[in-house]
Amino acid sequence: MIDTEALADRLVKGLRDGVIELPEDVKHRLEEAIDQESDELAKTQLRTILENVDVAHDGCAAMCQDTGMQIFFIKAGYDFPYLKEVHSAIAPAIARATKEVPLRPNTVDPFTGENPKNNLGHNLPAITVELEEGDGCDVYIMPKGGGSENMSALWMLTPAEGFKAMKRKVLEQVQFAAGKPCPPIVLGIGIGGGADISIKLAKKALLRPLDQPNPNPEVAAMEAELLEAVNEIGVGPAGLGGVTTALGVQIEYTNRHPATFPTALVVQCWCDRRQKIHISKDGEVI
């Protein structure tokens, strides 16, 4: 049996760690970027970011005042016996973490502006569930900030335009965004499906660590090509110039309709926050 109290505590801890602890792969990319920069102002911005990360860790405080909206992806095996318990525990954990961490209450009614002050609301929390073979469950937590989210985009391209237009659109959007999404940024790109599917894929792409390229070699090569092109724009850390506009480009894709080429871009700031919780078929929460 699963210990629902232990599950609730672990989800709250995951939400806490999600806004306080920067993943090691992101820290490593930031450290590498300092050595790659020749501009002293860019180096200073990167050092300040890393100092901020250390202060957040030491003081158990959020890395950014915008603790984001809490996005959840659940990947569960068909034989995992506690999906209902896990799904049901998320909303109370968000409300509890909002008070205990604390998380900034970031959800407001789009019509009235009313803030429930618990990071919940109509059609929230945002939870995507995927089923696969197996008997375990992985819960991914993504605190997604609003400033970088504002720079996201969806393009319904034509198949004739294809990848050439996709690259042009991504570069134009990064140049337009400039310093607004708090660069160096991470770009999640979703290709294929429909409008809704491509956006979901783009957000899902941000769950993949920066040191793990797409397992498809052709897609991995495109990630590297786009990252190089984005960094040639010269936006740089904090939008003040430099060769580190982006820390990574992550692509996820699926098949498309022959008449469509939907492409979505979800922008993440340098605060590329994510956490993962694993739950075994025996109810052990790791």
Protein backbone atom coordinates (compact mmCIF):
# COMPACT_ATOMS: atom_id res chain seq x y z
CA MET A 1 0.00 0.00 0.00
CA ILE A 2 1.09 3.54 -0.64
CA ASP A 3 1.65 5.85 2.33
CA THR A 4 -0.46 8.85 1.31
CA GLU A 5 1.09 11.06 3.99
CA ALA A 6 4.61 10.25 2.77
CA LEU A 7 3.46 10.88 -0.81
CA ALA A 8 2.05 14.29 0.15
CA ASP A 9 5.26 15.21 1.98
CA ARG A 10 7.38 14.19 -1.00
CA LEU A 11 5.27 16.17 -3.45
CA VAL A 12 5.59 19.26 -1.24
CA LYS A 13 9.35 18.68 -1.05
CA GLY A 14 9.46 18.33 -4.82
CA LEU A 15 7.65 21.64 -5.21
CA ARG A 16 10.03 23.23 -2.68
CA ASP A 17 13.16 21.85 -4.33
CA GLY A 18 11.76 22.84 -7.71
CA VAL A 19 11.95 26.53 -6.89
CA ILE A 20 15.06 26.44 -4.67
CA GLU A 21 17.48 23.99 -6.31
CA LEU A 22 18.77 24.49 -9.85
CA PRO A 23 19.44 21.15 -11.63
CA GLU A 24 23.12 20.27 -11.84
CA ASP A 25 23.10 20.10 -15.65
CA VAL A 26 21.91 23.71 -15.80
CA LYS A 27 24.51 24.88 -13.28
CA HIS A 28 27.19 23.12 -15.32
CA ARG A 29 26.09 24.89 -18.51
CA LEU A 30 26.18 28.26 -16.73
CA GLU A 31 29.69 27.54 -15.45
CA GLU A 32 30.82 26.52 -18.93
CA ALA A 33 29.32 29.71 -20.35
CA ILE A 34 31.57 31.87 -18.17
CA ASP A 35 34.65 30.32 -19.82
CA GLN A 36 33.14 30.74 -23.29
CA GLU A 37 32.35 34.43 -22.86
CA SER A 38 34.98 37.04 -23.73
CA ASP A 39 32.80 40.00 -22.74
CA GLU A 40 33.39 40.90 -19.08
CA LEU A 41 29.84 42.23 -18.65
CA ALA A 42 28.44 38.89 -19.82
CA LYS A 43 30.76 37.05 -17.42
CA THR A 44 29.56 39.28 -14.58
CA GLN A 45 25.93 38.49 -15.33
CA LEU A 46 26.62 34.75 -15.34
CA ARG A 47 28.60 34.94 -12.09
CA THR A 48 25.71 36.87 -10.51
CA ILE A 49 23.26 34.17 -11.60
CA LEU A 50 25.41 31.45 -10.04
CA GLU A 51 25.81 33.48 -6.87
CA ASN A 52 22.02 33.82 -6.75
CA VAL A 53 21.71 30.02 -7.09
CA ASP A 54 24.10 29.48 -4.17
CA VAL A 55 22.30 32.03 -1.97
CA ALA A 56 18.96 30.33 -2.71
CA HIS A 57 20.39 26.93 -1.79
CA ASP A 58 22.08 28.14 1.39
CA GLY A 59 19.10 30.16 2.55
CA CYS A 60 16.39 27.67 1.43
CA ALA A 61 14.76 30.49 -0.54
CA ALA A 62 13.33 30.59 -4.05
CA MET A 63 15.83 31.38 -6.81
CA CYS A 64 13.33 33.80 -8.38
CA GLN A 65 10.43 35.78 -6.94
CA ASP A 66 8.29 34.32 -9.73
CA THR A 67 7.86 30.76 -8.52
CA GLY A 68 5.78 30.09 -11.60
CA MET A 69 2.72 28.02 -12.30
CA GLN A 70 3.16 24.44 -11.18
CA ILE A 71 3.07 22.16 -14.23
CA PHE A 72 2.93 18.38 -13.76
CA PHE A 73 3.65 15.53 -16.16
CA ILE A 74 2.91 11.99 -14.98
CA LYS A 75 4.33 8.98 -16.80
CA ALA A 76 2.80 5.81 -15.34
CA GLY A 77 2.94 2.14 -16.24
CA TYR A 78 -0.30 0.38 -17.15
CA ASP A 79 0.18 -1.84 -14.08
CA PHE A 80 0.94 0.97 -11.62
CA PRO A 81 -1.72 0.56 -8.92
CA TYR A 82 -1.79 4.04 -7.35
CA LEU A 83 -2.49 6.46 -10.18
CA LYS A 84 -5.67 7.75 -8.54
CA GLU A 85 -3.84 8.42 -5.26
CA VAL A 86 -0.99 10.24 -7.00
CA HIS A 87 -3.28 12.33 -9.19
CA SER A 88 -5.50 13.25 -6.24
CA ALA A 89 -2.55 14.27 -4.05
CA ILE A 90 -1.20 16.96 -6.39
CA ALA A 91 -3.73 19.77 -5.83
CA PRO A 92 -3.52 19.61 -2.00
CA ALA A 93 0.28 19.48 -2.25
CA ILE A 94 0.32 22.66 -4.35
CA ALA A 95 -1.95 24.46 -1.87
CA ARG A 96 0.19 23.29 1.04
CA ALA A 97 3.47 24.23 -0.67
CA THR A 98 2.09 27.68 -1.46
CA LYS A 99 1.86 28.34 2.29
CA GLU A 100 4.85 26.35 3.52
CA VAL A 101 7.65 27.04 0.99
CA PRO A 102 6.19 29.63 0.31
CA LEU A 103 5.28 29.80 -3.37
CA ARG A 104 4.03 33.10 -4.72
CA PRO A 105 0.28 32.78 -5.44
CA ASN A 106 0.41 33.08 -9.20
CA THR A 107 -3.01 31.99 -10.51
CA VAL A 108 -5.72 34.56 -11.17
CA ASP A 109 -9.13 34.18 -12.79
CA PRO A 110 -8.84 35.50 -16.38
CA PHE A 111 -12.27 37.19 -16.17
CA THR A 112 -12.36 38.61 -12.65
CA GLY A 113 -8.68 38.79 -11.72
CA GLU A 114 -9.51 37.04 -8.44
CA ASN A 115 -6.56 35.20 -6.87
CA PRO A 116 -7.44 32.10 -4.80
CA LYS A 117 -4.00 32.44 -3.14
CA ASN A 118 -3.27 28.72 -3.41
CA ASN A 119 -1.97 28.39 -6.99
CA LEU A 120 -5.10 26.49 -8.01
CA GLY A 121 -8.23 27.46 -9.93
CA HIS A 122 -10.63 26.37 -12.65
CA ASN A 123 -9.10 23.54 -14.73
CA LEU A 124 -6.03 23.54 -12.47
CA PRO A 125 -3.67 21.99 -11.55
CA ALA A 126 -2.19 21.43 -15.01
CA ILE A 127 -1.51 17.68 -15.15
CA THR A 128 -0.62 15.64 -18.22
CA VAL A 129 -0.79 11.86 -17.81
CA GLU A 130 0.95 9.45 -20.17
CA LEU A 131 0.60 5.67 -19.91
CA GLU A 132 3.22 3.16 -20.97
CA GLU A 133 4.36 -0.38 -20.29
CA GLY A 134 5.52 -1.02 -16.73
CA ASP A 135 4.39 -0.83 -13.13
CA GLY A 136 6.11 2.33 -11.81
CA CYS A 137 5.28 6.01 -11.96
CA ASP A 138 7.38 9.12 -12.57
CA VAL A 139 6.02 12.51 -11.55
CA TYR A 140 7.74 15.50 -13.20
CA ILE A 141 7.32 18.96 -11.69
CA MET A 142 7.97 22.11 -13.72
CA PRO A 143 7.56 25.51 -12.05
CA LYS A 144 7.04 27.71 -15.14
CA GLY A 145 7.61 31.45 -14.83
CA GLY A 146 5.42 33.99 -16.58
CA GLY A 147 8.06 36.27 -18.11
CA SER A 148 9.62 33.56 -20.24
CA GLU A 149 6.21 32.03 -21.00
CA ASN A 150 5.16 35.35 -22.55
CA MET A 151 7.85 34.90 -25.20
CA SER A 152 6.53 31.50 -26.34
CA ALA A 153 4.96 31.14 -29.78
CA LEU A 154 3.00 28.83 -32.09
CA TRP A 155 3.36 28.80 -35.87
CA MET A 156 1.12 26.87 -38.23
CA LEU A 157 3.65 26.53 -41.03
CA THR A 158 3.08 24.82 -44.35
CA PRO A 159 4.92 21.61 -45.26
CA ALA A 160 6.55 23.49 -48.16
CA GLU A 161 8.11 25.91 -45.64
CA GLY A 162 9.12 23.15 -43.25
CA PHE A 163 12.30 23.24 -41.19
CA LYS A 164 13.78 26.24 -43.00
CA ALA A 165 10.85 28.39 -41.88
CA MET A 166 10.95 26.85 -38.40
CA LYS A 167 14.57 27.92 -37.95
CA ARG A 168 13.83 31.42 -39.22
CA LYS A 169 10.83 31.80 -36.90
CA VAL A 170 12.76 30.60 -33.85
CA LEU A 171 15.61 33.02 -34.50
CA GLU A 172 13.21 35.92 -35.11
CA GLN A 173 11.38 35.16 -31.87
CA VAL A 174 14.59 34.99 -29.82
CA GLN A 175 15.72 38.29 -31.31
CA PHE A 176 12.30 39.84 -30.56
CA ALA A 177 12.35 38.49 -27.00
CA ALA A 178 15.82 39.94 -26.34
CA GLY A 179 16.30 40.31 -22.58
CA LYS A 180 12.62 39.89 -21.60
CA PRO A 181 12.75 36.13 -20.77
CA CYS A 182 15.87 36.50 -18.57
CA PRO A 183 18.53 34.92 -20.79
CA PRO A 184 20.45 32.75 -21.09
CA ILE A 185 17.30 30.85 -22.01
CA VAL A 186 16.38 27.26 -22.77
CA LEU A 187 14.17 26.62 -25.80
CA GLY A 188 11.64 23.80 -25.92
CA ILE A 189 10.42 23.10 -29.45
CA GLY A 190 7.51 20.85 -30.37
CA ILE A 191 6.94 19.74 -33.96
CA GLY A 192 4.00 17.86 -35.44
CA GLY A 193 0.58 16.68 -34.33
CA GLY A 194 -1.76 19.65 -34.14
CA ALA A 195 -1.55 23.07 -32.52
CA ASP A 196 -2.30 21.74 -29.04
CA ILE A 197 -0.02 18.71 -29.40
CA SER A 198 2.99 20.70 -30.59
CA ILE A 199 2.70 23.09 -27.63
CA LYS A 200 2.50 20.19 -25.19
CA LEU A 201 5.54 18.58 -26.82
CA ALA A 202 7.50 21.83 -26.54
CA LYS A 203 6.80 22.05 -22.82
CA LYS A 204 7.58 18.36 -22.36
CA ALA A 205 10.91 18.89 -24.14
CA LEU A 206 11.99 21.19 -21.30
CA LEU A 207 11.90 18.24 -18.89
CA ARG A 208 14.92 16.68 -20.60
CA PRO A 209 18.28 17.55 -18.98
CA LEU A 210 20.52 19.80 -21.05
CA ASP A 211 23.25 17.16 -21.25
CA GLN A 212 20.88 14.67 -22.91
CA PRO A 213 20.40 15.35 -26.63
CA ASN A 214 17.42 13.88 -28.44
CA PRO A 215 17.98 10.15 -28.98
CA ASN A 216 17.25 10.59 -32.69
CA PRO A 217 20.64 11.64 -34.20
CA GLU A 218 18.98 13.77 -36.89
CA VAL A 219 16.96 15.67 -34.28
CA ALA A 220 19.99 15.99 -32.00
CA ALA A 221 21.91 17.55 -34.90
CA MET A 222 19.09 20.05 -35.41
CA GLU A 223 19.15 20.94 -31.69
CA ALA A 224 22.87 21.66 -31.92
CA GLU A 225 22.45 23.68 -35.14
CA LEU A 226 19.71 25.83 -33.63
CA LEU A 227 21.65 26.39 -30.41
CA GLU A 228 24.65 27.62 -32.38
CA ALA A 229 22.48 29.90 -34.52
CA VAL A 230 20.63 31.34 -31.49
CA ASN A 231 23.91 32.13 -29.73
CA GLU A 232 25.19 33.94 -32.81
CA ILE A 233 22.39 36.51 -32.41
CA GLY A 234 24.30 38.16 -29.58
CA VAL A 235 21.49 38.83 -27.09
CA GLY A 236 23.66 37.38 -24.33
CA PRO A 237 23.10 37.05 -20.57
CA ALA A 238 20.42 39.46 -19.29
CA GLY A 239 20.13 40.78 -22.86
CA LEU A 240 23.34 42.79 -22.47
CA GLY A 241 25.32 41.07 -25.22
CA GLY A 242 27.51 38.00 -25.42
CA VAL A 243 27.70 34.55 -26.96
CA THR A 244 25.42 32.84 -24.42
CA THR A 245 21.87 33.69 -25.41
CA ALA A 246 20.70 30.11 -24.84
CA LEU A 247 21.93 27.22 -22.72
CA GLY A 248 20.10 24.57 -24.72
CA VAL A 249 17.58 23.71 -27.42
CA GLN A 250 15.35 20.70 -26.75
CA ILE A 251 13.11 19.26 -29.49
CA GLU A 252 10.26 16.76 -29.21
CA TYR A 253 8.21 15.70 -32.21
CA THR A 254 5.46 13.48 -33.53
CA ASN A 255 3.94 12.77 -36.94
CA ARG A 256 1.95 15.53 -38.60
CA HIS A 257 -0.95 15.75 -41.05
CA PRO A 258 0.29 15.97 -44.67
CA ALA A 259 -1.24 19.46 -44.96
CA THR A 260 0.24 20.89 -41.77
CA PHE A 261 3.56 21.69 -40.11
CA PRO A 262 2.72 22.95 -36.61
CA THR A 263 5.71 24.20 -34.64
CA ALA A 264 5.61 25.47 -31.06
CA LEU A 265 8.29 27.27 -29.09
CA VAL A 266 8.17 27.39 -25.28
CA VAL A 267 10.81 29.64 -23.77
CA GLN A 268 12.35 28.94 -20.37
CA CYS A 269 14.55 31.42 -18.50
CA TRP A 270 18.00 30.57 -17.07
CA CYS A 271 16.07 29.34 -14.02
CA ASP A 272 15.37 26.03 -15.80
CA ARG A 273 13.56 24.43 -12.87
CA ARG A 274 12.36 20.81 -12.73
CA GLN A 275 12.05 17.93 -10.30
CA LYS A 276 11.28 14.24 -10.67
CA ILE A 277 9.67 11.85 -8.17
CA HIS A 278 9.54 8.09 -8.73
CA ILE A 279 6.92 5.85 -7.11
CA SER A 280 7.32 2.08 -7.27
CA LYS A 281 4.53 -0.48 -7.61
CA ASP A 282 4.97 -1.15 -3.89
CA GLY A 283 4.22 2.47 -3.04
CA GLU A 284 7.79 3.49 -2.25
CA VAL A 285 8.30 7.19 -2.99
CA ILE A 286 11.81 8.11 -4.18
